[in-house]
Amino acid sequence: MNKNSNTYQILYAAVMVLLVGTVLAFIYMALKPKQMENIANDTRKQILSALHLAAPSDNQLKETYEKYIIQDLLVDAQGNIVDSAANVAFNVDMKKNVKLAERQLPVMKCRLDDGSIKYVLPVYGAGLWGPIWGYIAMNDDGNSIYGANFSHEGETPGLGARITEQSFQDEFVDKHLFVDGEFKSVAVLKKGQKTTNGAEQVDALTGATITSRGVGDMMADCLAPYEAFLKKLQAAAVPTAPAVVEETPAADESESNDNQPE
């Protein structure tokens, strides 16, 4: 075949494209398990961070995560557990989940070294330049926040990207999602501003109003569906008063003896 002909050049290009495409596809498939594991490990680190647990090296990360996360749950809008299979909560794609009319509500139940129980709830929303997400660790009272971790895809360094800083995340610790029994989430407002509905609040990041507002909106949107579940935790945390048992007074002994035959 004439190597200078158009037919030869077209066939040569087609073969090269096919060959290179095959090699790239093979490399992609070979590396995909490692890529997925890296993504999973990054998620585990974020969850552990929300629980104030230092992430170990990658080769010990999964073992550490499974030590503390004792159960995965999916709950419904009434607060009932609908699934508790292994990793059922961990595997929920929040990017897709928040777009559903009827969302899945994943919960990761944790037991810390002191025996206390925490519940980690994932959140997902929008910042200034792209998606933001995070994990909120709740105390077992179903109301107060134990810890928080936030991340982002492309917020401005030094401004919106500061939602990943521990100092900002720690502002949410001990804040409450319920005020006088009503769900109100936690607002993120400019310093000096006050909420109009009585909700608790944290200060927005200076120069990052939109990203800060995105964090507040994200929490309100993603945590509100858990209201019934959190109220069940609150009810379970309230100690029940012990039943009062009234003692029947004993019969007068002398009177009892008088009735006995001699």
C-alpha atoms as a PDB file:
ATOM      1  CA  MET A   1       0.000   0.000   0.000  1.00  0.00           C
ATOM      2  CA  ASN A   2       1.249   3.442  -0.845  1.00  0.00           C
ATOM      3  CA  LYS A   3       2.255   5.067   2.454  1.00  0.00           C
ATOM      4  CA  ASN A   4       1.672   8.491   0.985  1.00  0.00           C
ATOM      5  CA  SER A   5      -1.921   7.774   0.063  1.00  0.00           C
ATOM      6  CA  ASN A   6      -4.851   9.210   1.969  1.00  0.00           C
ATOM      7  CA  THR A   7      -6.223   5.724   2.622  1.00  0.00           C
ATOM      8  CA  TYR A   8      -2.998   4.613   4.311  1.00  0.00           C
ATOM      9  CA  GLN A   9      -2.844   7.722   6.490  1.00  0.00           C
ATOM     10  CA  ILE A  10      -6.482   7.346   7.547  1.00  0.00           C
ATOM     11  CA  LEU A  11      -6.001   3.652   8.397  1.00  0.00           C
ATOM     12  CA  TYR A  12      -2.760   4.385  10.234  1.00  0.00           C
ATOM     13  CA  ALA A  13      -4.418   7.125  12.312  1.00  0.00           C
ATOM     14  CA  ALA A  14      -7.402   4.883  13.079  1.00  0.00           C
ATOM     15  CA  VAL A  15      -5.148   2.034  14.248  1.00  0.00           C
ATOM     16  CA  MET A  16      -3.103   4.368  16.442  1.00  0.00           C
ATOM     17  CA  VAL A  17      -6.214   5.905  18.003  1.00  0.00           C
ATOM     18  CA  LEU A  18      -7.604   2.433  18.676  1.00  0.00           C
ATOM     19  CA  LEU A  19      -4.300   1.232  20.140  1.00  0.00           C
ATOM     20  CA  VAL A  20      -3.776   4.276  22.349  1.00  0.00           C
ATOM     21  CA  GLY A  21      -7.418   4.200  23.465  1.00  0.00           C
ATOM     22  CA  THR A  22      -7.097   0.540  24.412  1.00  0.00           C
ATOM     23  CA  VAL A  23      -3.933   1.191  26.425  1.00  0.00           C
ATOM     24  CA  LEU A  24      -5.495   4.172  28.233  1.00  0.00           C
ATOM     25  CA  ALA A  25      -8.634   2.181  29.005  1.00  0.00           C
ATOM     26  CA  PHE A  26      -6.508  -0.650  30.410  1.00  0.00           C
ATOM     27  CA  ILE A  27      -4.525   1.784  32.593  1.00  0.00           C
ATOM     28  CA  TYR A  28      -7.735   3.430  33.800  1.00  0.00           C
ATOM     29  CA  MET A  29      -9.290   0.098  34.762  1.00  0.00           C
ATOM     30  CA  ALA A  30      -6.078  -1.003  36.462  1.00  0.00           C
ATOM     31  CA  LEU A  31      -5.837   2.191  38.514  1.00  0.00           C
ATOM     32  CA  LYS A  32      -9.553   2.608  39.256  1.00  0.00           C
ATOM     33  CA  PRO A  33      -9.593   0.428  42.432  1.00  0.00           C
ATOM     34  CA  LYS A  34      -6.703   2.475  43.856  1.00  0.00           C
ATOM     35  CA  GLN A  35      -8.423   5.741  42.922  1.00  0.00           C
ATOM     36  CA  MET A  36     -11.660   4.627  44.572  1.00  0.00           C
ATOM     37  CA  GLU A  37      -9.781   3.571  47.693  1.00  0.00           C
ATOM     38  CA  ASN A  38      -8.044   6.972  47.851  1.00  0.00           C
ATOM     39  CA  ILE A  39     -11.443   8.705  47.617  1.00  0.00           C
ATOM     40  CA  ALA A  40     -12.833   6.435  50.342  1.00  0.00           C
ATOM     41  CA  ASN A  41      -9.844   7.129  52.580  1.00  0.00           C
ATOM     42  CA  ASP A  42     -10.285  10.876  52.133  1.00  0.00           C
ATOM     43  CA  THR A  43     -13.930  10.504  53.198  1.00  0.00           C
ATOM     44  CA  ARG A  44     -12.901   8.451  56.232  1.00  0.00           C
ATOM     45  CA  LYS A  45     -10.437  11.180  57.247  1.00  0.00           C
ATOM     46  CA  GLN A  46     -13.160  13.829  57.060  1.00  0.00           C
ATOM     47  CA  ILE A  47     -15.551  11.742  59.164  1.00  0.00           C
ATOM     48  CA  LEU A  48     -12.883  11.032  61.774  1.00  0.00           C
ATOM     49  CA  SER A  49     -12.006  14.739  61.844  1.00  0.00           C
ATOM     50  CA  ALA A  50     -15.643  15.618  62.608  1.00  0.00           C
ATOM     51  CA  LEU A  51     -15.291  13.287  65.605  1.00  0.00           C
ATOM     52  CA  HIS A  52     -12.048  14.997  66.717  1.00  0.00           C
ATOM     53  CA  LEU A  53     -10.112  11.848  65.928  1.00  0.00           C
ATOM     54  CA  ALA A  54      -6.662  12.124  64.365  1.00  0.00           C
ATOM     55  CA  ALA A  55      -6.384  10.185  61.118  1.00  0.00           C
ATOM     56  CA  PRO A  56      -3.577   7.594  61.136  1.00  0.00           C
ATOM     57  CA  SER A  57      -1.484   6.594  58.141  1.00  0.00           C
ATOM     58  CA  ASP A  58      -3.379   5.333  55.094  1.00  0.00           C
ATOM     59  CA  ASN A  59      -2.495   1.689  55.742  1.00  0.00           C
ATOM     60  CA  GLN A  60      -4.206   1.918  59.167  1.00  0.00           C
ATOM     61  CA  LEU A  61      -6.996   4.304  58.234  1.00  0.00           C
ATOM     62  CA  LYS A  62      -9.674   1.768  57.357  1.00  0.00           C
ATOM     63  CA  GLU A  63      -8.992  -0.250  60.505  1.00  0.00           C
ATOM     64  CA  THR A  64      -9.204   2.882  62.678  1.00  0.00           C
ATOM     65  CA  TYR A  65     -12.397   4.005  60.964  1.00  0.00           C
ATOM     66  CA  GLU A  66     -14.056   0.635  61.512  1.00  0.00           C
ATOM     67  CA  LYS A  67     -12.977   0.698  65.159  1.00  0.00           C
ATOM     68  CA  TYR A  68     -14.993   3.835  65.873  1.00  0.00           C
ATOM     69  CA  ILE A  69     -17.850   3.661  63.348  1.00  0.00           C
ATOM     70  CA  ILE A  70     -19.850   0.811  64.798  1.00  0.00           C
ATOM     71  CA  GLN A  71     -22.935   0.941  62.572  1.00  0.00           C
ATOM     72  CA  ASP A  72     -24.172   2.380  59.289  1.00  0.00           C
ATOM     73  CA  LEU A  73     -27.832   3.370  59.101  1.00  0.00           C
ATOM     74  CA  LEU A  74     -30.378   4.725  56.670  1.00  0.00           C
ATOM     75  CA  VAL A  75     -33.364   6.387  58.326  1.00  0.00           C
ATOM     76  CA  ASP A  76     -36.612   7.713  56.883  1.00  0.00           C
ATOM     77  CA  ALA A  77     -38.421  11.012  57.364  1.00  0.00           C
ATOM     78  CA  GLN A  78     -40.217   9.562  60.408  1.00  0.00           C
ATOM     79  CA  GLY A  79     -36.895   8.741  62.072  1.00  0.00           C
ATOM     80  CA  ASN A  80     -37.208   4.986  61.604  1.00  0.00           C
ATOM     81  CA  ILE A  81     -34.215   2.850  60.647  1.00  0.00           C
ATOM     82  CA  VAL A  82     -34.870   1.363  57.208  1.00  0.00           C
ATOM     83  CA  ASP A  83     -31.471  -0.211  56.509  1.00  0.00           C
ATOM     84  CA  SER A  84     -28.420  -1.102  58.577  1.00  0.00           C
ATOM     85  CA  ALA A  85     -26.295  -3.047  56.097  1.00  0.00           C
ATOM     86  CA  ALA A  86     -22.534  -2.618  56.198  1.00  0.00           C
ATOM     87  CA  ASN A  87     -21.378   0.673  54.618  1.00  0.00           C
ATOM     88  CA  VAL A  88     -24.929   1.556  53.530  1.00  0.00           C
ATOM     89  CA  ALA A  89     -24.534   5.116  54.831  1.00  0.00           C
ATOM     90  CA  PHE A  90     -20.895   5.498  53.795  1.00  0.00           C
ATOM     91  CA  ASN A  91     -21.725   4.616  50.183  1.00  0.00           C
ATOM     92  CA  VAL A  92     -24.479   7.226  49.695  1.00  0.00           C
ATOM     93  CA  ASP A  93     -23.475   9.695  46.960  1.00  0.00           C
ATOM     94  CA  MET A  94     -24.533  12.983  48.527  1.00  0.00           C
ATOM     95  CA  LYS A  95     -24.033  14.920  45.285  1.00  0.00           C
ATOM     96  CA  LYS A  96     -26.799  12.866  43.683  1.00  0.00           C
ATOM     97  CA  ASN A  97     -28.755  12.376  46.892  1.00  0.00           C
ATOM     98  CA  VAL A  98     -29.525  16.063  47.517  1.00  0.00           C
ATOM     99  CA  LYS A  99     -31.200  16.280  44.090  1.00  0.00           C
ATOM    100  CA  LEU A 100     -33.703  13.501  44.832  1.00  0.00           C
ATOM    101  CA  ALA A 101     -37.296  14.284  45.748  1.00  0.00           C
ATOM    102  CA  GLU A 102     -37.109  11.615  48.441  1.00  0.00           C
ATOM    103  CA  ARG A 103     -33.601  11.614  49.807  1.00  0.00           C
ATOM    104  CA  GLN A 104     -31.777   8.833  51.563  1.00  0.00           C
ATOM    105  CA  LEU A 105     -30.818   9.856  55.088  1.00  0.00           C
ATOM    106  CA  PRO A 106     -27.472   8.269  55.982  1.00  0.00           C
ATOM    107  CA  VAL A 107     -26.278   8.099  59.591  1.00  0.00           C
ATOM    108  CA  MET A 108     -22.961   6.768  60.884  1.00  0.00           C
ATOM    109  CA  LYS A 109     -23.116   5.696  64.512  1.00  0.00           C
ATOM    110  CA  CYS A 110     -19.855   6.043  66.440  1.00  0.00           C
ATOM    111  CA  ARG A 111     -18.557   4.906  69.810  1.00  0.00           C
ATOM    112  CA  LEU A 112     -15.566   6.846  71.165  1.00  0.00           C
ATOM    113  CA  ASP A 113     -12.916   5.557  73.540  1.00  0.00           C
ATOM    114  CA  ASP A 114     -14.817   6.894  76.555  1.00  0.00           C
ATOM    115  CA  GLY A 115     -17.890   4.896  75.524  1.00  0.00           C
ATOM    116  CA  SER A 116     -19.925   7.920  74.416  1.00  0.00           C
ATOM    117  CA  ILE A 117     -22.099   7.549  71.306  1.00  0.00           C
ATOM    118  CA  LYS A 118     -22.090  10.076  68.459  1.00  0.00           C
ATOM    119  CA  TYR A 119     -24.040  10.226  65.200  1.00  0.00           C
ATOM    120  CA  VAL A 120     -22.380  11.582  62.050  1.00  0.00           C
ATOM    121  CA  LEU A 121     -24.639  13.155  59.411  1.00  0.00           C
ATOM    122  CA  PRO A 122     -23.318  14.148  55.946  1.00  0.00           C
ATOM    123  CA  VAL A 123     -24.201  17.502  54.366  1.00  0.00           C
ATOM    124  CA  TYR A 124     -23.763  18.783  50.805  1.00  0.00           C
ATOM    125  CA  GLY A 125     -24.369  22.193  49.262  1.00  0.00           C
ATOM    126  CA  ALA A 126     -23.025  25.013  47.105  1.00  0.00           C
ATOM    127  CA  GLY A 127     -20.336  27.606  47.778  1.00  0.00           C
ATOM    128  CA  LEU A 128     -19.234  30.517  45.604  1.00  0.00           C
ATOM    129  CA  TRP A 129     -17.359  28.575  42.905  1.00  0.00           C
ATOM    130  CA  GLY A 130     -18.590  25.039  43.307  1.00  0.00           C
ATOM    131  CA  PRO A 131     -19.848  22.346  45.659  1.00  0.00           C
ATOM    132  CA  ILE A 132     -19.085  22.279  49.364  1.00  0.00           C
ATOM    133  CA  TRP A 133     -19.749  19.388  51.718  1.00  0.00           C
ATOM    134  CA  GLY A 134     -19.107  18.198  55.219  1.00  0.00           C
ATOM    135  CA  TYR A 135     -19.927  15.969  58.165  1.00  0.00           C
ATOM    136  CA  ILE A 136     -21.711  17.000  61.363  1.00  0.00           C
ATOM    137  CA  ALA A 137     -21.164  14.837  64.442  1.00  0.00           C
ATOM    138  CA  MET A 138     -24.087  15.003  66.874  1.00  0.00           C
ATOM    139  CA  ASN A 139     -24.068  14.078  70.549  1.00  0.00           C
ATOM    140  CA  ASP A 140     -26.488  11.355  71.579  1.00  0.00           C
ATOM    141  CA  ASP A 141     -28.819  13.998  73.041  1.00  0.00           C
ATOM    142  CA  GLY A 142     -29.954  14.602  69.445  1.00  0.00           C
ATOM    143  CA  ASN A 143     -29.489  18.357  69.755  1.00  0.00           C
ATOM    144  CA  SER A 144     -25.947  19.558  70.439  1.00  0.00           C
ATOM    145  CA  ILE A 145     -23.131  19.387  67.893  1.00  0.00           C
ATOM    146  CA  TYR A 146     -20.029  17.467  68.927  1.00  0.00           C
ATOM    147  CA  GLY A 147     -17.885  18.339  65.909  1.00  0.00           C
ATOM    148  CA  ALA A 148     -17.906  19.434  62.279  1.00  0.00           C
ATOM    149  CA  ASN A 149     -15.748  19.051  59.196  1.00  0.00           C
ATOM    150  CA  PHE A 150     -16.167  20.991  55.941  1.00  0.00           C
ATOM    151  CA  SER A 151     -14.504  20.709  52.555  1.00  0.00           C
ATOM    152  CA  HIS A 152     -14.844  22.255  49.105  1.00  0.00           C
ATOM    153  CA  GLU A 153     -13.988  21.834  45.443  1.00  0.00           C
ATOM    154  CA  GLY A 154     -12.813  25.272  44.382  1.00  0.00           C
ATOM    155  CA  GLU A 155     -13.416  28.064  46.907  1.00  0.00           C
ATOM    156  CA  THR A 156     -11.030  31.017  46.943  1.00  0.00           C
ATOM    157  CA  PRO A 157      -7.780  30.342  48.872  1.00  0.00           C
ATOM    158  CA  GLY A 158      -7.540  32.514  51.960  1.00  0.00           C
ATOM    159  CA  LEU A 159     -11.250  33.351  51.804  1.00  0.00           C
ATOM    160  CA  GLY A 160     -13.979  30.752  51.221  1.00  0.00           C
ATOM    161  CA  ALA A 161     -11.425  27.938  51.349  1.00  0.00           C
ATOM    162  CA  ARG A 162     -11.015  28.725  55.048  1.00  0.00           C
ATOM    163  CA  ILE A 163     -14.108  26.623  55.805  1.00  0.00           C
ATOM    164  CA  THR A 164     -11.606  23.760  56.037  1.00  0.00           C
ATOM    165  CA  GLU A 165      -9.758  25.457  58.907  1.00  0.00           C
ATOM    166  CA  GLN A 166     -10.215  23.925  62.327  1.00  0.00           C
ATOM    167  CA  SER A 167     -10.813  27.321  63.939  1.00  0.00           C
ATOM    168  CA  PHE A 168     -13.938  27.850  61.794  1.00  0.00           C
ATOM    169  CA  GLN A 169     -15.195  24.305  62.249  1.00  0.00           C
ATOM    170  CA  ASP A 170     -14.766  24.497  66.026  1.00  0.00           C
ATOM    171  CA  GLU A 171     -17.234  27.408  66.109  1.00  0.00           C
ATOM    172  CA  PHE A 172     -20.016  24.853  65.600  1.00  0.00           C
ATOM    173  CA  VAL A 173     -19.085  22.738  68.630  1.00  0.00           C
ATOM    174  CA  ASP A 174     -21.778  22.788  71.356  1.00  0.00           C
ATOM    175  CA  LYS A 175     -24.223  24.697  69.139  1.00  0.00           C
ATOM    176  CA  HIS A 176     -27.790  23.387  69.117  1.00  0.00           C
ATOM    177  CA  LEU A 177     -30.032  22.472  66.197  1.00  0.00           C
ATOM    178  CA  PHE A 178     -33.228  22.872  68.233  1.00  0.00           C
ATOM    179  CA  VAL A 179     -34.455  25.920  70.139  1.00  0.00           C
ATOM    180  CA  ASP A 180     -37.417  25.408  72.456  1.00  0.00           C
ATOM    181  CA  GLY A 181     -38.065  22.059  70.789  1.00  0.00           C
ATOM    182  CA  GLU A 182     -38.169  23.509  67.263  1.00  0.00           C
ATOM    183  CA  PHE A 183     -35.582  22.679  64.594  1.00  0.00           C
ATOM    184  CA  LYS A 184     -33.707  25.841  63.561  1.00  0.00           C
ATOM    185  CA  SER A 185     -30.256  24.605  62.528  1.00  0.00           C
ATOM    186  CA  VAL A 186     -27.252  26.916  63.046  1.00  0.00           C
ATOM    187  CA  ALA A 187     -26.986  30.164  61.088  1.00  0.00           C
ATOM    188  CA  VAL A 188     -23.718  31.541  59.686  1.00  0.00           C
ATOM    189  CA  LEU A 189     -23.906  35.335  59.718  1.00  0.00           C
ATOM    190  CA  LYS A 190     -21.642  38.356  59.499  1.00  0.00           C
ATOM    191  CA  LYS A 191     -20.277  39.416  62.842  1.00  0.00           C
ATOM    192  CA  GLY A 192     -22.807  41.664  64.569  1.00  0.00           C
ATOM    193  CA  GLN A 193     -25.828  40.291  62.741  1.00  0.00           C
ATOM    194  CA  LYS A 194     -28.505  38.390  64.644  1.00  0.00           C
ATOM    195  CA  THR A 195     -30.891  35.686  63.574  1.00  0.00           C
ATOM    196  CA  THR A 196     -34.558  36.570  63.342  1.00  0.00           C
ATOM    197  CA  ASN A 197     -35.867  33.159  64.377  1.00  0.00           C
ATOM    198  CA  GLY A 198     -33.864  32.633  67.559  1.00  0.00           C
ATOM    199  CA  ALA A 199     -31.495  30.076  66.023  1.00  0.00           C
ATOM    200  CA  GLU A 200     -27.968  29.819  67.366  1.00  0.00           C
ATOM    201  CA  GLN A 201     -25.257  31.211  65.097  1.00  0.00           C
ATOM    202  CA  VAL A 202     -21.568  31.409  64.272  1.00  0.00           C
ATOM    203  CA  ASP A 203     -19.624  34.241  62.659  1.00  0.00           C
ATOM    204  CA  ALA A 204     -19.122  34.145  58.898  1.00  0.00           C
ATOM    205  CA  LEU A 205     -15.612  34.166  57.459  1.00  0.00           C
ATOM    206  CA  THR A 206     -14.347  37.660  56.685  1.00  0.00           C
ATOM    207  CA  GLY A 207     -14.460  38.292  52.935  1.00  0.00           C
ATOM    208  CA  ALA A 208     -16.270  35.026  52.236  1.00  0.00           C
ATOM    209  CA  THR A 209     -19.911  35.927  52.765  1.00  0.00           C
ATOM    210  CA  ILE A 210     -21.317  33.729  49.996  1.00  0.00           C
ATOM    211  CA  THR A 211     -19.338  30.634  50.995  1.00  0.00           C
ATOM    212  CA  SER A 212     -20.215  31.174  54.654  1.00  0.00           C
ATOM    213  CA  ARG A 213     -23.885  31.551  53.794  1.00  0.00           C
ATOM    214  CA  GLY A 214     -23.557  28.380  51.733  1.00  0.00           C
ATOM    215  CA  VAL A 215     -22.400  26.478  54.806  1.00  0.00           C
ATOM    216  CA  GLY A 216     -25.414  27.682  56.792  1.00  0.00           C
ATOM    217  CA  ASP A 217     -27.849  26.909  53.966  1.00  0.00           C
ATOM    218  CA  MET A 218     -26.250  23.503  53.461  1.00  0.00           C
ATOM    219  CA  MET A 219     -26.724  22.571  57.106  1.00  0.00           C
ATOM    220  CA  ALA A 220     -30.325  23.771  57.201  1.00  0.00           C
ATOM    221  CA  ASP A 221     -31.216  21.960  53.970  1.00  0.00           C
ATOM    222  CA  CYS A 222     -29.487  18.664  54.731  1.00  0.00           C
ATOM    223  CA  LEU A 223     -30.149  18.387  58.479  1.00  0.00           C
ATOM    224  CA  ALA A 224     -33.838  19.359  58.473  1.00  0.00           C
ATOM    225  CA  PRO A 225     -34.917  15.941  57.084  1.00  0.00           C
ATOM    226  CA  TYR A 226     -33.334  14.341  60.184  1.00  0.00           C
ATOM    227  CA  GLU A 227     -35.665  16.220  62.536  1.00  0.00           C
ATOM    228  CA  ALA A 228     -37.758  13.167  63.467  1.00  0.00           C
ATOM    229  CA  PHE A 229     -34.657  10.997  63.953  1.00  0.00           C
ATOM    230  CA  LEU A 230     -33.012  13.617  66.165  1.00  0.00           C
ATOM    231  CA  LYS A 231     -36.175  14.023  68.221  1.00  0.00           C
ATOM    232  CA  LYS A 232     -36.196  10.276  68.845  1.00  0.00           C
ATOM    233  CA  LEU A 233     -32.637  10.572  70.156  1.00  0.00           C
ATOM    234  CA  GLN A 234     -33.763  13.431  72.388  1.00  0.00           C
ATOM    235  CA  ALA A 235     -36.625  11.364  73.761  1.00  0.00           C
ATOM    236  CA  ALA A 236     -34.308   8.437  74.437  1.00  0.00           C
ATOM    237  CA  ALA A 237     -31.828  10.712  76.216  1.00  0.00           C
ATOM    238  CA  VAL A 238     -34.399  12.028  78.689  1.00  0.00           C
ATOM    239  CA  PRO A 239     -34.151   9.934  81.878  1.00  0.00           C
ATOM    240  CA  THR A 240     -37.436   8.405  82.925  1.00  0.00           C
ATOM    241  CA  ALA A 241     -38.527   8.975  86.494  1.00  0.00           C
ATOM    242  CA  PRO A 242     -38.551   5.771  88.559  1.00  0.00           C
ATOM    243  CA  ALA A 243     -41.970   4.396  89.321  1.00  0.00           C
ATOM    244  CA  VAL A 244     -43.200   5.158  92.821  1.00  0.00           C
ATOM    245  CA  VAL A 245     -44.284   2.022  94.620  1.00  0.00           C
ATOM    246  CA  GLU A 246     -46.658   2.612  97.508  1.00  0.00           C
ATOM    247  CA  GLU A 247     -46.062   0.257 100.376  1.00  0.00           C
ATOM    248  CA  THR A 248     -49.102  -1.328 102.009  1.00  0.00           C
ATOM    249  CA  PRO A 249     -48.850  -0.766 105.761  1.00  0.00           C
ATOM    250  CA  ALA A 250     -48.437  -3.972 107.699  1.00  0.00           C
ATOM    251  CA  ALA A 251     -51.379  -5.082 109.820  1.00  0.00           C
ATOM    252  CA  ASP A 252     -51.126  -4.339 113.504  1.00  0.00           C
ATOM    253  CA  GLU A 253     -49.333  -7.335 114.999  1.00  0.00           C
ATOM    254  CA  SER A 254     -51.219  -7.323 118.263  1.00  0.00           C
ATOM    255  CA  GLU A 255     -54.529  -7.167 116.438  1.00  0.00           C
ATOM    256  CA  SER A 256     -53.420 -10.001 114.225  1.00  0.00           C
ATOM    257  CA  ASN A 257     -52.446 -12.111 117.216  1.00  0.00           C
ATOM    258  CA  ASP A 258     -55.850 -11.537 118.822  1.00  0.00           C
ATOM    259  CA  ASN A 259     -57.485 -13.305 115.947  1.00  0.00           C
ATOM    260  CA  GLN A 260     -55.325 -16.396 116.231  1.00  0.00           C
ATOM    261  CA  PRO A 261     -56.867 -19.444 117.999  1.00  0.00           C
ATOM    262  CA  GLU A 262     -55.443 -20.246 121.440  1.00  0.00           C
END
